[in-house]
């Protein structure tokens, strides 16, 4: 397991900036990804680790990383032989902020 602090707003309203997620470091095979779960994914370049919903496209061998916030962009990660970018799935979240109730 690993604990990761959420940075940014791409997963609002489910996860907010500063929340902490607990990741079970069991990476499923690409064809076994559950599109309803949140996954921790390693994105090369400048992103590092991200938490997103994930879909796998076998025809293009790429992972589609889906934000919940419609103002955030979708990311694409190629599946390279022997390198699964999925680190694990989010099993719990520690909420550090809550939406305002009026």
PDB file of N, CA and C in Angstrom:
ATOM      1  N   UNK A   1       0.831  -1.181   0.000  1.00  0.00           N
ATOM      2  CA  UNK A   1       0.000   0.000   0.000  1.00  0.00           C
ATOM      3  C   UNK A   1       0.874   1.242   0.000  1.00  0.00           C
ATOM      4  N   UNK A   2       0.266   2.329  -0.467  1.00  0.00           N
ATOM      5  CA  UNK A   2       0.952   3.613  -0.469  1.00  0.00           C
ATOM      6  C   UNK A   2      -0.081   4.715  -0.236  1.00  0.00           C
ATOM      7  N   UNK A   3       0.367   5.800   0.382  1.00  0.00           N
ATOM      8  CA  UNK A   3      -0.495   6.974   0.585  1.00  0.00           C
ATOM      9  C   UNK A   3       0.009   8.078  -0.330  1.00  0.00           C
ATOM     10  N   UNK A   4      -0.914   8.699  -1.049  1.00  0.00           N
ATOM     11  CA  UNK A   4      -0.559   9.754  -1.997  1.00  0.00           C
ATOM     12  C   UNK A   4      -1.477  10.948  -1.769  1.00  0.00           C
ATOM     13  N   UNK A   5      -0.893  12.139  -1.712  1.00  0.00           N
ATOM     14  CA  UNK A   5      -1.678  13.369  -1.551  1.00  0.00           C
ATOM     15  C   UNK A   5      -2.151  13.842  -2.922  1.00  0.00           C
ATOM     16  N   UNK A   6      -3.438  14.166  -2.990  1.00  0.00           N
ATOM     17  CA  UNK A   6      -4.033  14.675  -4.225  1.00  0.00           C
ATOM     18  C   UNK A   6      -3.626  16.136  -4.394  1.00  0.00           C
ATOM     19  N   UNK A   7      -3.164  16.455  -5.599  1.00  0.00           N
ATOM     20  CA  UNK A   7      -2.819  17.831  -5.934  1.00  0.00           C
ATOM     21  C   UNK A   7      -3.623  18.210  -7.171  1.00  0.00           C
ATOM     22  N   UNK A   8      -4.395  19.272  -7.081  1.00  0.00           N
ATOM     23  CA  UNK A   8      -5.170  19.728  -8.232  1.00  0.00           C
ATOM     24  C   UNK A   8      -6.648  19.456  -8.084  1.00  0.00           C
ATOM     25  N   UNK A   9      -7.378  19.799  -9.132  1.00  0.00           N
ATOM     26  CA  UNK A   9      -8.845  19.750  -9.089  1.00  0.00           C
ATOM     27  C   UNK A   9      -9.456  18.806 -10.118  1.00  0.00           C
ATOM     28  N   UNK A  10      -8.644  18.017 -10.815  1.00  0.00           N
ATOM     29  CA  UNK A  10      -9.166  17.195 -11.909  1.00  0.00           C
ATOM     30  C   UNK A  10     -10.132  16.106 -11.466  1.00  0.00           C
ATOM     31  N   UNK A  11     -10.101  15.716 -10.205  1.00  0.00           N
ATOM     32  CA  UNK A  11     -10.991  14.647  -9.743  1.00  0.00           C
ATOM     33  C   UNK A  11     -12.122  15.154  -8.852  1.00  0.00           C
ATOM     34  N   UNK A  12     -12.325  16.466  -8.833  1.00  0.00           N
ATOM     35  CA  UNK A  12     -13.464  17.009  -8.083  1.00  0.00           C
ATOM     36  C   UNK A  12     -14.752  16.627  -8.793  1.00  0.00           C
ATOM     37  N   UNK A  13     -15.794  16.335  -8.083  1.00  0.00           N
ATOM     38  CA  UNK A  13     -15.986  16.546  -6.653  1.00  0.00           C
ATOM     39  C   UNK A  13     -15.608  15.355  -5.768  1.00  0.00           C
ATOM     40  N   UNK A  14     -15.223  14.225  -6.363  1.00  0.00           N
ATOM     41  CA  UNK A  14     -14.928  13.038  -5.552  1.00  0.00           C
ATOM     42  C   UNK A  14     -13.667  13.202  -4.709  1.00  0.00           C
ATOM     43  N   UNK A  15     -12.610  13.722  -5.306  1.00  0.00           N
ATOM     44  CA  UNK A  15     -11.364  13.979  -4.580  1.00  0.00           C
ATOM     45  C   UNK A  15     -11.008  15.447  -4.756  1.00  0.00           C
ATOM     46  N   UNK A  16     -10.538  16.056  -3.663  1.00  0.00           N
ATOM     47  CA  UNK A  16     -10.184  17.477  -3.697  1.00  0.00           C
ATOM     48  C   UNK A  16      -8.700  17.659  -3.403  1.00  0.00           C
ATOM     49  N   UNK A  17      -8.197  18.809  -3.778  1.00  0.00           N
ATOM     50  CA  UNK A  17      -6.813  19.165  -3.522  1.00  0.00           C
ATOM     51  C   UNK A  17      -6.507  18.980  -2.027  1.00  0.00           C
ATOM     52  N   UNK A  18      -5.459  18.229  -1.705  1.00  0.00           N
ATOM     53  CA  UNK A  18      -5.076  17.993  -0.315  1.00  0.00           C
ATOM     54  C   UNK A  18      -5.574  16.686   0.269  1.00  0.00           C
ATOM     55  N   UNK A  19      -6.582  16.050  -0.356  1.00  0.00           N
ATOM     56  CA  UNK A  19      -7.030  14.742   0.124  1.00  0.00           C
ATOM     57  C   UNK A  19      -5.877  13.745   0.010  1.00  0.00           C
ATOM     58  N   UNK A  20      -5.938  12.702   0.804  1.00  0.00           N
ATOM     59  CA  UNK A  20      -4.927  11.651   0.752  1.00  0.00           C
ATOM     60  C   UNK A  20      -5.611  10.354   0.358  1.00  0.00           C
ATOM     61  N   UNK A  21      -5.080   9.688  -0.662  1.00  0.00           N
ATOM     62  CA  UNK A  21      -5.652   8.409  -1.090  1.00  0.00           C
ATOM     63  C   UNK A  21      -4.720   7.277  -0.699  1.00  0.00           C
ATOM     64  N   UNK A  22      -5.323   6.155  -0.354  1.00  0.00           N
ATOM     65  CA  UNK A  22      -4.575   4.930  -0.055  1.00  0.00           C
ATOM     66  C   UNK A  22      -4.672   4.050  -1.296  1.00  0.00           C
ATOM     67  N   UNK A  23      -3.519   3.694  -1.832  1.00  0.00           N
ATOM     68  CA  UNK A  23      -3.458   2.918  -3.065  1.00  0.00           C
ATOM     69  C   UNK A  23      -3.000   1.502  -2.762  1.00  0.00           C
ATOM     70  N   UNK A  24      -3.810   0.545  -3.176  1.00  0.00           N
ATOM     71  CA  UNK A  24      -3.428  -0.867  -3.095  1.00  0.00           C
ATOM     72  C   UNK A  24      -2.561  -1.136  -4.320  1.00  0.00           C
ATOM     73  N   UNK A  25      -1.298  -1.462  -4.111  1.00  0.00           N
ATOM     74  CA  UNK A  25      -0.349  -1.580  -5.210  1.00  0.00           C
ATOM     75  C   UNK A  25      -0.451  -2.942  -5.903  1.00  0.00           C
ATOM     76  N   UNK A  26      -1.635  -3.230  -6.380  1.00  0.00           N
ATOM     77  CA  UNK A  26      -1.882  -4.424  -7.188  1.00  0.00           C
ATOM     78  C   UNK A  26      -2.385  -3.929  -8.532  1.00  0.00           C
ATOM     79  N   UNK A  27      -1.544  -3.946  -9.519  1.00  0.00           N
ATOM     80  CA  UNK A  27      -1.909  -3.442 -10.843  1.00  0.00           C
ATOM     81  C   UNK A  27      -2.607  -4.527 -11.649  1.00  0.00           C
ATOM     82  N   UNK A  28      -3.829  -4.268 -12.091  1.00  0.00           N
ATOM     83  CA  UNK A  28      -4.526  -5.267 -12.907  1.00  0.00           C
ATOM     84  C   UNK A  28      -3.949  -5.305 -14.323  1.00  0.00           C
ATOM     85  N   UNK A  29      -4.148  -6.412 -14.985  1.00  0.00           N
ATOM     86  CA  UNK A  29      -3.814  -6.475 -16.410  1.00  0.00           C
ATOM     87  C   UNK A  29      -4.711  -5.478 -17.133  1.00  0.00           C
ATOM     88  N   UNK A  30      -4.250  -4.896 -18.227  1.00  0.00           N
ATOM     89  CA  UNK A  30      -5.046  -3.875 -18.909  1.00  0.00           C
ATOM     90  C   UNK A  30      -6.481  -4.287 -19.219  1.00  0.00           C
ATOM     91  N   UNK A  31      -6.673  -5.518 -19.632  1.00  0.00           N
ATOM     92  CA  UNK A  31      -8.026  -5.964 -19.993  1.00  0.00           C
ATOM     93  C   UNK A  31      -8.924  -6.201 -18.773  1.00  0.00           C
ATOM     94  N   UNK A  32      -8.365  -6.148 -17.572  1.00  0.00           N
ATOM     95  CA  UNK A  32      -9.142  -6.359 -16.344  1.00  0.00           C
ATOM     96  C   UNK A  32      -9.443  -5.057 -15.594  1.00  0.00           C
ATOM     97  N   UNK A  33      -9.169  -3.929 -16.197  1.00  0.00           N
ATOM     98  CA  UNK A  33      -9.421  -2.646 -15.547  1.00  0.00           C
ATOM     99  C   UNK A  33     -10.917  -2.430 -15.376  1.00  0.00           C
ATOM    100  N   UNK A  34     -11.305  -2.032 -14.171  1.00  0.00           N
ATOM    101  CA  UNK A  34     -12.700  -1.722 -13.856  1.00  0.00           C
ATOM    102  C   UNK A  34     -12.904  -0.222 -14.092  1.00  0.00           C
ATOM    103  N   UNK A  35     -13.725   0.174 -15.074  1.00  0.00           N
ATOM    104  CA  UNK A  35     -13.890   1.595 -15.387  1.00  0.00           C
ATOM    105  C   UNK A  35     -14.565   2.403 -14.279  1.00  0.00           C
ATOM    106  N   UNK A  36     -15.086   1.750 -13.265  1.00  0.00           N
ATOM    107  CA  UNK A  36     -15.720   2.448 -12.154  1.00  0.00           C
ATOM    108  C   UNK A  36     -14.752   2.763 -11.012  1.00  0.00           C
ATOM    109  N   UNK A  37     -13.596   2.113 -11.014  1.00  0.00           N
ATOM    110  CA  UNK A  37     -12.606   2.333  -9.946  1.00  0.00           C
ATOM    111  C   UNK A  37     -11.697   3.499 -10.293  1.00  0.00           C
ATOM    112  N   UNK A  38     -11.052   4.031  -9.264  1.00  0.00           N
ATOM    113  CA  UNK A  38      -9.999   5.026  -9.459  1.00  0.00           C
ATOM    114  C   UNK A  38      -8.665   4.304  -9.375  1.00  0.00           C
ATOM    115  N   UNK A  39      -7.730   4.700 -10.235  1.00  0.00           N
ATOM    116  CA  UNK A  39      -6.417   4.074 -10.268  1.00  0.00           C
ATOM    117  C   UNK A  39      -5.332   5.129 -10.138  1.00  0.00           C
ATOM    118  N   UNK A  40      -4.218   4.724  -9.566  1.00  0.00           N
ATOM    119  CA  UNK A  40      -3.021   5.548  -9.540  1.00  0.00           C
ATOM    120  C   UNK A  40      -2.193   5.098 -10.739  1.00  0.00           C
ATOM    121  N   UNK A  41      -1.815   6.066 -11.579  1.00  0.00           N
ATOM    122  CA  UNK A  41      -1.115   5.768 -12.819  1.00  0.00           C
ATOM    123  C   UNK A  41       0.148   6.616 -12.892  1.00  0.00           C
ATOM    124  N   UNK A  42       1.242   6.005 -13.334  1.00  0.00           N
ATOM    125  CA  UNK A  42       2.469   6.770 -13.534  1.00  0.00           C
ATOM    126  C   UNK A  42       2.471   7.299 -14.962  1.00  0.00           C
ATOM    127  N   UNK A  43       2.550   8.626 -15.074  1.00  0.00           N
ATOM    128  CA  UNK A  43       2.581   9.280 -16.381  1.00  0.00           C
ATOM    129  C   UNK A  43       3.971   9.882 -16.546  1.00  0.00           C
ATOM    130  N   UNK A  44       4.693   9.415 -17.542  1.00  0.00           N
ATOM    131  CA  UNK A  44       6.030   9.948 -17.777  1.00  0.00           C
ATOM    132  C   UNK A  44       5.944  11.421 -18.147  1.00  0.00           C
ATOM    133  N   UNK A  45       7.056  12.030 -18.329  1.00  0.00           N
ATOM    134  CA  UNK A  45       7.167  13.475 -18.617  1.00  0.00           C
ATOM    135  C   UNK A  45       7.014  14.231 -17.315  1.00  0.00           C
ATOM    136  N   UNK A  46       6.188  15.232 -17.286  1.00  0.00           N
ATOM    137  CA  UNK A  46       6.124  16.124 -16.121  1.00  0.00           C
ATOM    138  C   UNK A  46       5.023  15.798 -15.134  1.00  0.00           C
ATOM    139  N   UNK A  47       4.189  14.821 -15.390  1.00  0.00           N
ATOM    140  CA  UNK A  47       3.033  14.559 -14.537  1.00  0.00           C
ATOM    141  C   UNK A  47       3.351  13.751 -13.284  1.00  0.00           C
ATOM    142  N   UNK A  48       4.160  12.710 -13.404  1.00  0.00           N
ATOM    143  CA  UNK A  48       4.418  11.844 -12.260  1.00  0.00           C
ATOM    144  C   UNK A  48       3.243  10.910 -12.025  1.00  0.00           C
ATOM    145  N   UNK A  49       2.781  10.822 -10.784  1.00  0.00           N
ATOM    146  CA  UNK A  49       1.658   9.952 -10.448  1.00  0.00           C
ATOM    147  C   UNK A  49       0.363  10.751 -10.500  1.00  0.00           C
ATOM    148  N   UNK A  50      -0.674  10.159 -11.101  1.00  0.00           N
ATOM    149  CA  UNK A  50      -1.993  10.791 -11.151  1.00  0.00           C
ATOM    150  C   UNK A  50      -3.031   9.772 -10.700  1.00  0.00           C
ATOM    151  N   UNK A  51      -4.170  10.276 -10.222  1.00  0.00           N
ATOM    152  CA  UNK A  51      -5.297   9.423  -9.863  1.00  0.00           C
ATOM    153  C   UNK A  51      -6.429   9.765 -10.819  1.00  0.00           C
ATOM    154  N   UNK A  52      -6.919   8.758 -11.527  1.00  0.00           N
ATOM    155  CA  UNK A  52      -7.965   8.950 -12.538  1.00  0.00           C
ATOM    156  C   UNK A  52      -8.799   7.689 -12.676  1.00  0.00           C
ATOM    157  N   UNK A  53      -9.939   7.827 -13.335  1.00  0.00           N
ATOM    158  CA  UNK A  53     -10.650   6.661 -13.852  1.00  0.00           C
ATOM    159  C   UNK A  53      -9.890   6.262 -15.112  1.00  0.00           C
ATOM    160  N   UNK A  54      -9.890   4.964 -15.422  1.00  0.00           N
ATOM    161  CA  UNK A  54      -9.067   4.493 -16.540  1.00  0.00           C
ATOM    162  C   UNK A  54      -9.878   3.566 -17.438  1.00  0.00           C
ATOM    163  N   UNK A  55      -9.678   3.749 -18.732  1.00  0.00           N
ATOM    164  CA  UNK A  55     -10.191   2.805 -19.730  1.00  0.00           C
ATOM    165  C   UNK A  55      -8.998   2.370 -20.557  1.00  0.00           C
ATOM    166  N   UNK A  56      -9.049   1.133 -21.053  1.00  0.00           N
ATOM    167  CA  UNK A  56      -7.959   0.631 -21.892  1.00  0.00           C
ATOM    168  C   UNK A  56      -8.488   0.385 -23.294  1.00  0.00           C
ATOM    169  N   UNK A  57      -7.749   0.857 -24.280  1.00  0.00           N
ATOM    170  CA  UNK A  57      -8.091   0.640 -25.692  1.00  0.00           C
ATOM    171  C   UNK A  57      -7.105  -0.373 -26.277  1.00  0.00           C
ATOM    172  N   UNK A  58      -7.518  -1.647 -26.389  1.00  0.00           N
ATOM    173  CA  UNK A  58      -6.580  -2.665 -26.885  1.00  0.00           C
ATOM    174  C   UNK A  58      -6.143  -2.422 -28.329  1.00  0.00           C
ATOM    175  N   UNK A  59      -7.022  -1.826 -29.134  1.00  0.00           N
ATOM    176  CA  UNK A  59      -6.681  -1.612 -30.543  1.00  0.00           C
ATOM    177  C   UNK A  59      -5.526  -0.607 -30.717  1.00  0.00           C
ATOM    178  N   UNK A  60      -5.397   0.345 -29.811  1.00  0.00           N
ATOM    179  CA  UNK A  60      -4.302   1.326 -29.884  1.00  0.00           C
ATOM    180  C   UNK A  60      -3.261   1.109 -28.786  1.00  0.00           C
ATOM    181  N   UNK A  61      -3.529   0.140 -27.917  1.00  0.00           N
ATOM    182  CA  UNK A  61      -2.648  -0.165 -26.790  1.00  0.00           C
ATOM    183  C   UNK A  61      -2.357   1.073 -25.951  1.00  0.00           C
ATOM    184  N   UNK A  62      -3.424   1.766 -25.605  1.00  0.00           N
ATOM    185  CA  UNK A  62      -3.245   2.947 -24.771  1.00  0.00           C
ATOM    186  C   UNK A  62      -4.293   2.995 -23.662  1.00  0.00           C
ATOM    187  N   UNK A  63      -3.887   3.616 -22.569  1.00  0.00           N
ATOM    188  CA  UNK A  63      -4.770   3.861 -21.447  1.00  0.00           C
ATOM    189  C   UNK A  63      -5.329   5.264 -21.601  1.00  0.00           C
ATOM    190  N   UNK A  64      -6.623   5.397 -21.367  1.00  0.00           N
ATOM    191  CA  UNK A  64      -7.277   6.697 -21.396  1.00  0.00           C
ATOM    192  C   UNK A  64      -7.546   7.066 -19.944  1.00  0.00           C
ATOM    193  N   UNK A  65      -6.967   8.169 -19.479  1.00  0.00           N
ATOM    194  CA  UNK A  65      -7.098   8.599 -18.086  1.00  0.00           C
ATOM    195  C   UNK A  65      -8.146   9.704 -18.021  1.00  0.00           C
ATOM    196  N   UNK A  66      -9.247   9.403 -17.353  1.00  0.00           N
ATOM    197  CA  UNK A  66     -10.415  10.273 -17.366  1.00  0.00           C
ATOM    198  C   UNK A  66     -10.575  11.057 -16.071  1.00  0.00           C
ATOM    199  N   UNK A  67     -10.565  12.389 -16.151  1.00  0.00           N
ATOM    200  CA  UNK A  67     -10.832  13.199 -14.966  1.00  0.00           C
ATOM    201  C   UNK A  67     -12.335  13.245 -14.699  1.00  0.00           C
ATOM    202  N   UNK A  68     -12.716  13.562 -13.477  1.00  0.00           N
ATOM    203  CA  UNK A  68     -14.136  13.756 -13.168  1.00  0.00           C
ATOM    204  C   UNK A  68     -14.560  15.197 -13.430  1.00  0.00           C
ATOM    205  N   UNK A  69     -13.637  16.115 -13.252  1.00  0.00           N
ATOM    206  CA  UNK A  69     -13.913  17.526 -13.460  1.00  0.00           C
ATOM    207  C   UNK A  69     -13.927  17.799 -14.972  1.00  0.00           C
ATOM    208  N   UNK A  70     -15.068  18.267 -15.521  1.00  0.00           N
ATOM    209  CA  UNK A  70     -15.154  18.473 -16.974  1.00  0.00           C
ATOM    210  C   UNK A  70     -14.206  19.551 -17.512  1.00  0.00           C
ATOM    211  N   UNK A  71     -13.680  20.390 -16.646  1.00  0.00           N
ATOM    212  CA  UNK A  71     -12.752  21.419 -17.128  1.00  0.00           C
ATOM    213  C   UNK A  71     -11.312  20.898 -17.220  1.00  0.00           C
ATOM    214  N   UNK A  72     -11.076  19.667 -16.800  1.00  0.00           N
ATOM    215  CA  UNK A  72      -9.743  19.062 -16.885  1.00  0.00           C
ATOM    216  C   UNK A  72      -9.634  18.222 -18.150  1.00  0.00           C
ATOM    217  N   UNK A  73      -8.403  18.055 -18.617  1.00  0.00           N
ATOM    218  CA  UNK A  73      -8.248  17.328 -19.875  1.00  0.00           C
ATOM    219  C   UNK A  73      -7.991  15.833 -19.662  1.00  0.00           C
ATOM    220  N   UNK A  74      -8.379  15.072 -20.663  1.00  0.00           N
ATOM    221  CA  UNK A  74      -8.145  13.632 -20.700  1.00  0.00           C
ATOM    222  C   UNK A  74      -6.678  13.406 -21.059  1.00  0.00           C
ATOM    223  N   UNK A  75      -6.049  12.419 -20.410  1.00  0.00           N
ATOM    224  CA  UNK A  75      -4.657  12.063 -20.701  1.00  0.00           C
ATOM    225  C   UNK A  75      -4.619  10.690 -21.368  1.00  0.00           C
ATOM    226  N   UNK A  76      -3.603  10.468 -22.182  1.00  0.00           N
ATOM    227  CA  UNK A  76      -3.419   9.191 -22.867  1.00  0.00           C
ATOM    228  C   UNK A  76      -2.022   8.674 -22.567  1.00  0.00           C
ATOM    229  N   UNK A  77      -1.935   7.389 -22.222  1.00  0.00           N
ATOM    230  CA  UNK A  77      -0.646   6.771 -21.908  1.00  0.00           C
ATOM    231  C   UNK A  77      -0.537   5.475 -22.708  1.00  0.00           C
ATOM    232  N   UNK A  78       0.534   5.340 -23.456  1.00  0.00           N
ATOM    233  CA  UNK A  78       0.767   4.120 -24.235  1.00  0.00           C
ATOM    234  C   UNK A  78       1.182   2.971 -23.321  1.00  0.00           C
ATOM    235  N   UNK A  79       0.694   1.789 -23.654  1.00  0.00           N
ATOM    236  CA  UNK A  79       1.084   0.584 -22.927  1.00  0.00           C
ATOM    237  C   UNK A  79       2.279  -0.019 -23.640  1.00  0.00           C
ATOM    238  N   UNK A  80       3.416   0.018 -22.978  1.00  0.00           N
ATOM    239  CA  UNK A  80       4.624  -0.552 -23.559  1.00  0.00           C
ATOM    240  C   UNK A  80       4.838  -1.955 -22.995  1.00  0.00           C
ATOM    241  N   UNK A  81       5.308  -2.828 -23.814  1.00  0.00           N
ATOM    242  CA  UNK A  81       5.528  -4.223 -23.407  1.00  0.00           C
ATOM    243  C   UNK A  81       6.373  -4.280 -22.138  1.00  0.00           C
ATOM    244  N   UNK A  82       5.857  -4.974 -21.143  1.00  0.00           N
ATOM    245  CA  UNK A  82       6.580  -5.145 -19.894  1.00  0.00           C
ATOM    246  C   UNK A  82       6.504  -3.959 -18.939  1.00  0.00           C
ATOM    247  N   UNK A  83       5.789  -2.893 -19.312  1.00  0.00           N
ATOM    248  CA  UNK A  83       5.692  -1.703 -18.459  1.00  0.00           C
ATOM    249  C   UNK A  83       4.231  -1.292 -18.314  1.00  0.00           C
ATOM    250  N   UNK A  84       3.607  -1.740 -17.264  1.00  0.00           N
ATOM    251  CA  UNK A  84       2.231  -1.354 -16.991  1.00  0.00           C
ATOM    252  C   UNK A  84       2.274  -0.056 -16.184  1.00  0.00           C
ATOM    253  N   UNK A  85       1.714   1.042 -16.695  1.00  0.00           N
ATOM    254  CA  UNK A  85       1.762   2.310 -15.963  1.00  0.00           C
ATOM    255  C   UNK A  85       0.812   2.363 -14.768  1.00  0.00           C
ATOM    256  N   UNK A  86      -0.078   1.374 -14.653  1.00  0.00           N
ATOM    257  CA  UNK A  86      -0.999   1.338 -13.524  1.00  0.00           C
ATOM    258  C   UNK A  86      -0.216   0.908 -12.282  1.00  0.00           C
ATOM    259  N   UNK A  87      -0.214   1.757 -11.269  1.00  0.00           N
ATOM    260  CA  UNK A  87       0.492   1.457 -10.018  1.00  0.00           C
ATOM    261  C   UNK A  87      -0.396   0.621  -9.104  1.00  0.00           C
ATOM    262  N   UNK A  88      -1.682   0.952  -9.074  1.00  0.00           N
ATOM    263  CA  UNK A  88      -2.633   0.241  -8.225  1.00  0.00           C
ATOM    264  C   UNK A  88      -3.968   0.963  -8.216  1.00  0.00           C
ATOM    265  N   UNK A  89      -4.885   0.485  -7.398  1.00  0.00           N
ATOM    266  CA  UNK A  89      -6.217   1.077  -7.337  1.00  0.00           C
ATOM    267  C   UNK A  89      -6.434   1.769  -6.004  1.00  0.00           C
ATOM    268  N   UNK A  90      -7.260   2.795  -6.041  1.00  0.00           N
ATOM    269  CA  UNK A  90      -7.531   3.583  -4.842  1.00  0.00           C
ATOM    270  C   UNK A  90      -8.544   2.828  -3.989  1.00  0.00           C
ATOM    271  N   UNK A  91      -8.114   2.467  -2.771  1.00  0.00           N
ATOM    272  CA  UNK A  91      -9.002   1.695  -1.901  1.00  0.00           C
ATOM    273  C   UNK A  91      -9.678   2.555  -0.838  1.00  0.00           C
ATOM    274  N   UNK A  92      -9.130   3.752  -0.570  1.00  0.00           N
ATOM    275  CA  UNK A  92      -9.724   4.637   0.439  1.00  0.00           C
ATOM    276  C   UNK A  92      -9.207   6.049   0.228  1.00  0.00           C
ATOM    277  N   UNK A  93      -9.931   7.013   0.795  1.00  0.00           N
ATOM    278  CA  UNK A  93      -9.494   8.411   0.714  1.00  0.00           C
ATOM    279  C   UNK A  93      -9.728   9.087   2.055  1.00  0.00           C
ATOM    280  N   UNK A  94      -8.768   9.876   2.466  1.00  0.00           N
ATOM    281  CA  UNK A  94      -8.868  10.690   3.669  1.00  0.00           C
ATOM    282  C   UNK A  94      -9.189  12.091   3.186  1.00  0.00           C
ATOM    283  N   UNK A  95     -10.395  12.553   3.506  1.00  0.00           N
ATOM    284  CA  UNK A  95     -10.850  13.864   3.053  1.00  0.00           C
ATOM    285  C   UNK A  95     -10.304  14.942   3.971  1.00  0.00           C
ATOM    286  N   UNK A  96      -9.577  15.884   3.384  1.00  0.00           N
ATOM    287  CA  UNK A  96      -9.023  16.982   4.175  1.00  0.00           C
ATOM    288  C   UNK A  96      -9.852  18.251   4.041  1.00  0.00           C
ATOM    289  N   UNK A  97     -10.767  18.241   3.083  1.00  0.00           N
ATOM    290  CA  UNK A  97     -11.667  19.379   2.910  1.00  0.00           C
ATOM    291  C   UNK A  97     -13.026  18.868   2.469  1.00  0.00           C
ATOM    292  N   UNK A  98     -14.040  19.599   2.799  1.00  0.00           N
ATOM    293  CA  UNK A  98     -15.398  19.210   2.431  1.00  0.00           C
ATOM    294  C   UNK A  98     -16.064  20.360   1.708  1.00  0.00           C
ATOM    295  N   UNK A  99     -16.956  20.050   0.775  1.00  0.00           N
ATOM    296  CA  UNK A  99     -17.648  21.142   0.081  1.00  0.00           C
ATOM    297  C   UNK A  99     -18.526  21.921   1.061  1.00  0.00           C
ATOM    298  N   UNK A 100     -18.699  23.202   0.783  1.00  0.00           N
ATOM    299  CA  UNK A 100     -19.541  24.036   1.663  1.00  0.00           C
ATOM    300  C   UNK A 100     -20.998  23.678   1.494  1.00  0.00           C
ATOM    301  N   UNK A 101     -21.700  23.621   2.602  1.00  0.00           N
ATOM    302  CA  UNK A 101     -23.137  23.361   2.588  1.00  0.00           C
ATOM    303  C   UNK A 101     -23.834  24.653   2.955  1.00  0.00           C
ATOM    304  N   UNK A 102     -24.750  25.057   2.114  1.00  0.00           N
ATOM    305  CA  UNK A 102     -25.441  26.313   2.398  1.00  0.00           C
ATOM    306  C   UNK A 102     -26.872  26.080   2.765  1.00  0.00           C
TER     307      UNK A 102
END
